[in-house]
N, C-alpha and C. Protein backbone atom coordinates (compact mmCIF):
# COMPACT_ATOMS: atom_id res chain seq x y z
N MET A 1 4.21 12.41 -3.13
CA MET A 1 5.12 11.61 -1.00
C MET A 1 4.56 10.25 -1.28
N SER A 2 6.27 9.85 -0.77
CA SER A 2 6.06 8.33 -0.14
C SER A 2 7.04 8.14 0.96
N LEU A 3 6.73 7.54 1.92
CA LEU A 3 7.45 7.50 3.04
C LEU A 3 7.35 5.99 3.42
N VAL A 4 8.90 5.27 3.58
CA VAL A 4 8.41 3.78 3.98
C VAL A 4 9.71 3.61 5.06
N SER A 5 9.15 2.97 6.46
CA SER A 5 9.90 2.25 7.50
C SER A 5 9.59 1.22 7.57
N CYS A 6 10.96 0.23 7.36
CA CYS A 6 10.85 -0.83 7.31
C CYS A 6 11.84 -2.02 8.66
N SER A 7 11.38 -3.03 9.36
CA SER A 7 12.02 -3.33 10.03
C SER A 7 12.15 -5.09 9.89
N GLY A 8 13.15 -5.78 9.12
CA GLY A 8 12.92 -7.18 9.26
C GLY A 8 12.12 -6.94 7.52
N ASP A 9 11.12 -8.09 8.00
CA ASP A 9 10.11 -8.45 6.92
C ASP A 9 8.87 -7.40 6.89
N SER A 10 8.94 -6.51 7.94
CA SER A 10 7.82 -5.73 7.84
C SER A 10 7.81 -4.44 7.55
N CYS A 11 6.87 -3.71 6.93
CA CYS A 11 7.38 -2.08 6.80
C CYS A 11 6.10 -1.44 6.51
N SER A 12 5.92 -0.10 7.20
CA SER A 12 4.96 0.54 7.18
C SER A 12 5.14 1.74 5.83
N VAL A 13 4.12 1.62 5.16
CA VAL A 13 4.26 2.70 4.39
C VAL A 13 3.25 3.86 3.94
N THR A 14 3.62 4.86 3.46
CA THR A 14 2.03 5.80 3.18
C THR A 14 2.78 6.65 1.93
N LEU A 15 1.93 6.59 1.10
CA LEU A 15 1.70 7.05 -0.27
C LEU A 15 0.55 8.03 -0.34
N GLY A 16 0.92 9.13 -1.01
CA GLY A 16 -0.22 10.70 -0.97
C GLY A 16 0.24 10.70 -2.49
N GLY A 17 -0.81 11.07 -2.99
CA GLY A 17 -1.06 11.70 -4.68
C GLY A 17 -0.85 10.59 -5.53
N SER A 18 -2.07 10.98 -6.42
CA SER A 18 -2.19 9.65 -7.38
C SER A 18 -0.61 9.41 -8.18
N GLY A 19 -0.25 8.14 -8.19
CA GLY A 19 0.98 7.83 -9.13
C GLY A 19 1.77 7.85 -8.32
N ALA A 20 1.84 8.21 -6.49
CA ALA A 20 3.04 8.14 -6.04
C ALA A 20 3.47 6.48 -5.83
N ARG A 21 4.54 6.40 -5.83
CA ARG A 21 4.86 4.68 -5.46
C ARG A 21 6.02 4.55 -4.67
N ALA A 22 6.47 3.49 -4.18
CA ALA A 22 7.28 3.03 -3.27
C ALA A 22 8.09 1.46 -3.42
N HIS A 23 9.53 1.46 -3.35
CA HIS A 23 9.60 0.16 -3.43
C HIS A 23 9.94 -0.56 -2.37
N VAL A 24 9.14 -1.71 -1.79
CA VAL A 24 8.73 -2.25 -0.58
C VAL A 24 9.65 -3.39 -0.42
N LEU A 25 10.17 -3.96 0.00
CA LEU A 25 10.34 -5.47 -0.04
C LEU A 25 10.56 -6.03 -1.06
N GLY A 26 11.22 -5.60 -2.16
CA GLY A 26 11.73 -5.88 -3.70
C GLY A 26 10.27 -5.99 -4.66
N THR A 27 9.47 -5.12 -4.15
CA THR A 27 8.07 -4.86 -5.07
C THR A 27 7.26 -3.29 -5.30
N THR A 28 7.48 -3.04 -6.19
CA THR A 28 7.07 -1.71 -6.57
C THR A 28 5.60 -1.58 -6.34
N ILE A 29 5.13 -0.66 -5.15
CA ILE A 29 3.76 -0.64 -5.03
C ILE A 29 3.33 0.99 -5.38
N GLY A 30 2.24 1.05 -6.31
CA GLY A 30 2.29 2.64 -6.29
C GLY A 30 0.43 2.77 -6.30
N LEU A 31 0.27 3.85 -5.61
CA LEU A 31 -0.99 4.53 -5.15
C LEU A 31 -1.73 4.89 -6.62
N THR A 32 -2.93 4.37 -6.88
CA THR A 32 -3.67 4.73 -8.23
C THR A 32 -5.25 5.63 -7.68
N GLY A 33 -5.67 5.15 -6.47
CA GLY A 33 -6.49 6.25 -5.90
C GLY A 33 -7.11 6.11 -4.47
N THR A 34 -8.08 6.71 -4.06
CA THR A 34 -8.68 6.40 -2.91
C THR A 34 -10.16 6.86 -3.15
N ASP A 35 -11.19 6.15 -2.66
CA ASP A 35 -12.42 6.49 -2.43
C ASP A 35 -13.03 5.99 -1.23
N GLY A 36 -13.57 7.20 -0.27
CA GLY A 36 -13.84 6.40 1.22
C GLY A 36 -12.60 5.82 1.79
N ASP A 37 -13.07 4.47 2.33
CA ASP A 37 -11.93 4.19 3.31
C ASP A 37 -11.34 2.81 2.76
N ARG A 38 -11.50 2.88 1.13
CA ARG A 38 -10.89 2.16 -0.18
C ARG A 38 -9.89 3.05 -0.81
N ALA A 39 -8.90 2.30 -0.65
CA ALA A 39 -7.40 2.59 -2.13
C ALA A 39 -7.34 1.31 -2.89
N THR A 40 -6.72 2.01 -4.15
CA THR A 40 -6.31 0.98 -4.71
C THR A 40 -4.54 1.14 -5.27
N LEU A 41 -4.53 0.28 -5.00
CA LEU A 41 -2.80 0.24 -5.14
C LEU A 41 -2.40 -0.57 -6.48
N ARG A 42 -1.39 -0.19 -7.16
CA ARG A 42 -0.81 -1.24 -7.92
C ARG A 42 0.39 -1.63 -7.71
N VAL A 43 0.29 -3.24 -7.42
CA VAL A 43 1.50 -4.01 -7.11
C VAL A 43 1.76 -4.47 -8.02
N GLU A 44 2.73 -4.27 -8.44
CA GLU A 44 3.35 -5.13 -9.57
C GLU A 44 2.78 -4.63 -11.00
N ASP A 45 1.89 -5.49 -11.57
CA ASP A 45 1.25 -4.97 -13.00
C ASP A 45 -0.44 -5.66 -12.64
N ARG A 46 -0.39 -5.48 -11.17
CA ARG A 46 -1.99 -5.93 -10.77
C ARG A 46 -2.49 -5.01 -9.72
N ASP A 47 -3.94 -4.41 -9.90
CA ASP A 47 -4.69 -3.59 -9.31
C ASP A 47 -5.26 -4.40 -8.28
N VAL A 48 -5.13 -4.23 -6.86
CA VAL A 48 -5.89 -4.26 -5.78
C VAL A 48 -6.30 -3.05 -4.83
N SER A 49 -7.32 -3.74 -4.30
CA SER A 49 -8.30 -2.80 -3.69
C SER A 49 -7.81 -3.04 -1.97
N CYS A 50 -7.33 -1.77 -1.07
CA CYS A 50 -6.80 -1.71 0.25
C CYS A 50 -7.98 -1.14 0.99
N THR A 51 -8.46 -1.85 1.73
CA THR A 51 -9.81 -1.10 2.72
C THR A 51 -9.27 -1.21 3.83
N VAL A 52 -9.75 0.05 4.95
CA VAL A 52 -9.23 0.26 5.90
C VAL A 52 -9.53 -1.09 7.03
N GLY A 53 -8.37 -1.81 7.53
CA GLY A 53 -8.72 -2.74 8.57
C GLY A 53 -8.89 -4.09 7.92
N ARG A 54 -8.70 -3.87 7.03
CA ARG A 54 -8.36 -5.55 6.01
C ARG A 54 -7.27 -5.25 5.12
N THR A 55 -6.81 -7.09 5.02
CA THR A 55 -5.58 -7.19 4.86
C THR A 55 -6.33 -7.89 3.30
N THR A 56 -4.84 -7.79 2.52
CA THR A 56 -5.27 -8.43 1.32
C THR A 56 -4.28 -8.95 0.91
N SER A 57 -3.74 -9.69 -0.55
CA SER A 57 -2.45 -10.55 -0.44
C SER A 57 -2.29 -10.50 -2.23
N ALA A 58 -1.16 -10.06 -2.35
CA ALA A 58 -0.54 -9.62 -3.66
C ALA A 58 1.09 -9.62 -3.90
N GLY A 59 1.39 -10.61 -4.83
CA GLY A 59 2.92 -10.49 -4.91
C GLY A 59 3.68 -11.18 -3.86
N GLY A 60 2.80 -11.97 -3.57
CA GLY A 60 3.44 -12.55 -2.17
C GLY A 60 3.48 -11.53 -1.06
N LEU A 61 3.14 -11.12 -1.07
CA LEU A 61 2.97 -9.94 0.05
C LEU A 61 1.59 -9.62 0.83
N GLN A 62 1.37 -9.47 2.11
CA GLN A 62 -0.04 -9.05 2.71
C GLN A 62 0.23 -7.64 2.76
N LEU A 63 -0.70 -6.69 2.44
CA LEU A 63 -0.88 -5.09 2.72
C LEU A 63 -2.35 -5.09 3.95
N THR A 64 -2.05 -4.19 4.80
CA THR A 64 -3.33 -4.04 5.67
C THR A 64 -3.03 -2.53 5.59
N CYS A 65 -4.60 -1.97 5.23
CA CYS A 65 -4.52 -0.66 5.15
C CYS A 65 -4.93 -0.08 6.07
N THR A 66 -4.30 0.82 6.81
CA THR A 66 -4.40 1.56 8.44
C THR A 66 -5.09 2.69 8.36
N GLU A 67 -5.06 3.72 7.11
CA GLU A 67 -5.75 5.00 7.11
C GLU A 67 -5.61 5.12 5.51
N VAL A 68 -6.65 5.47 4.95
CA VAL A 68 -7.40 6.19 4.08
C VAL A 68 -7.92 7.70 3.88
N ALA A 69 -6.94 8.57 3.34
CA ALA A 69 -7.82 9.90 3.41
C ALA A 69 -7.56 10.15 2.11
N ASP A 70 -7.96 11.57 1.94
CA ASP A 70 -8.19 12.19 0.69
C ASP A 70 -6.96 12.26 -0.47
N GLY A 71 -6.66 11.16 -1.45
CA GLY A 71 -5.45 11.18 -1.85
C GLY A 71 -4.30 10.87 -1.28
N ARG A 72 -4.38 10.02 -0.06
CA ARG A 72 -3.54 9.60 0.59
C ARG A 72 -3.90 7.75 1.58
N VAL A 73 -2.98 6.92 2.06
CA VAL A 73 -3.21 5.65 2.24
C VAL A 73 -1.85 5.61 2.99
N ALA A 74 -2.09 4.73 4.04
CA ALA A 74 -1.08 4.20 4.84
C ALA A 74 -1.58 2.85 5.32
N PHE A 75 -0.46 2.19 5.12
CA PHE A 75 -0.52 0.19 5.08
C PHE A 75 0.75 -0.24 5.57
N THR A 76 0.43 -1.58 6.09
CA THR A 76 1.93 -2.02 6.11
C THR A 76 2.12 -3.26 5.70
N VAL A 77 3.26 -3.80 5.04
CA VAL A 77 3.45 -4.83 3.93
C VAL A 77 4.28 -5.75 5.04
N THR A 78 3.73 -6.94 4.77
CA THR A 78 4.85 -7.91 5.44
C THR A 78 4.94 -8.74 4.09
N ARG A 79 5.86 -10.04 4.06
CA ARG A 79 5.77 -11.29 3.12
C ARG A 79 5.18 -12.20 4.08
N GLY A 80 4.71 -12.53 3.08
CA GLY A 80 3.31 -13.86 3.04
C GLY A 80 2.64 -14.01 2.56
């Protein structure tokens, strides 16, 4: 499952299930897995850790995880 909603240079994304992917702001982002309040996301060819409430940078994007549950992650993506 992948849901993407964008407004300008900001998108809200929900990915569910290992291997779920979405094309967001010109970049492919996939869900590798979840563990507690942390998700591992594949941004292009790089794995990044996304923890609820924290922001991480990858591929010119800022990702902020808002929810992590069993096999599902919700996050916002902005340029910069």
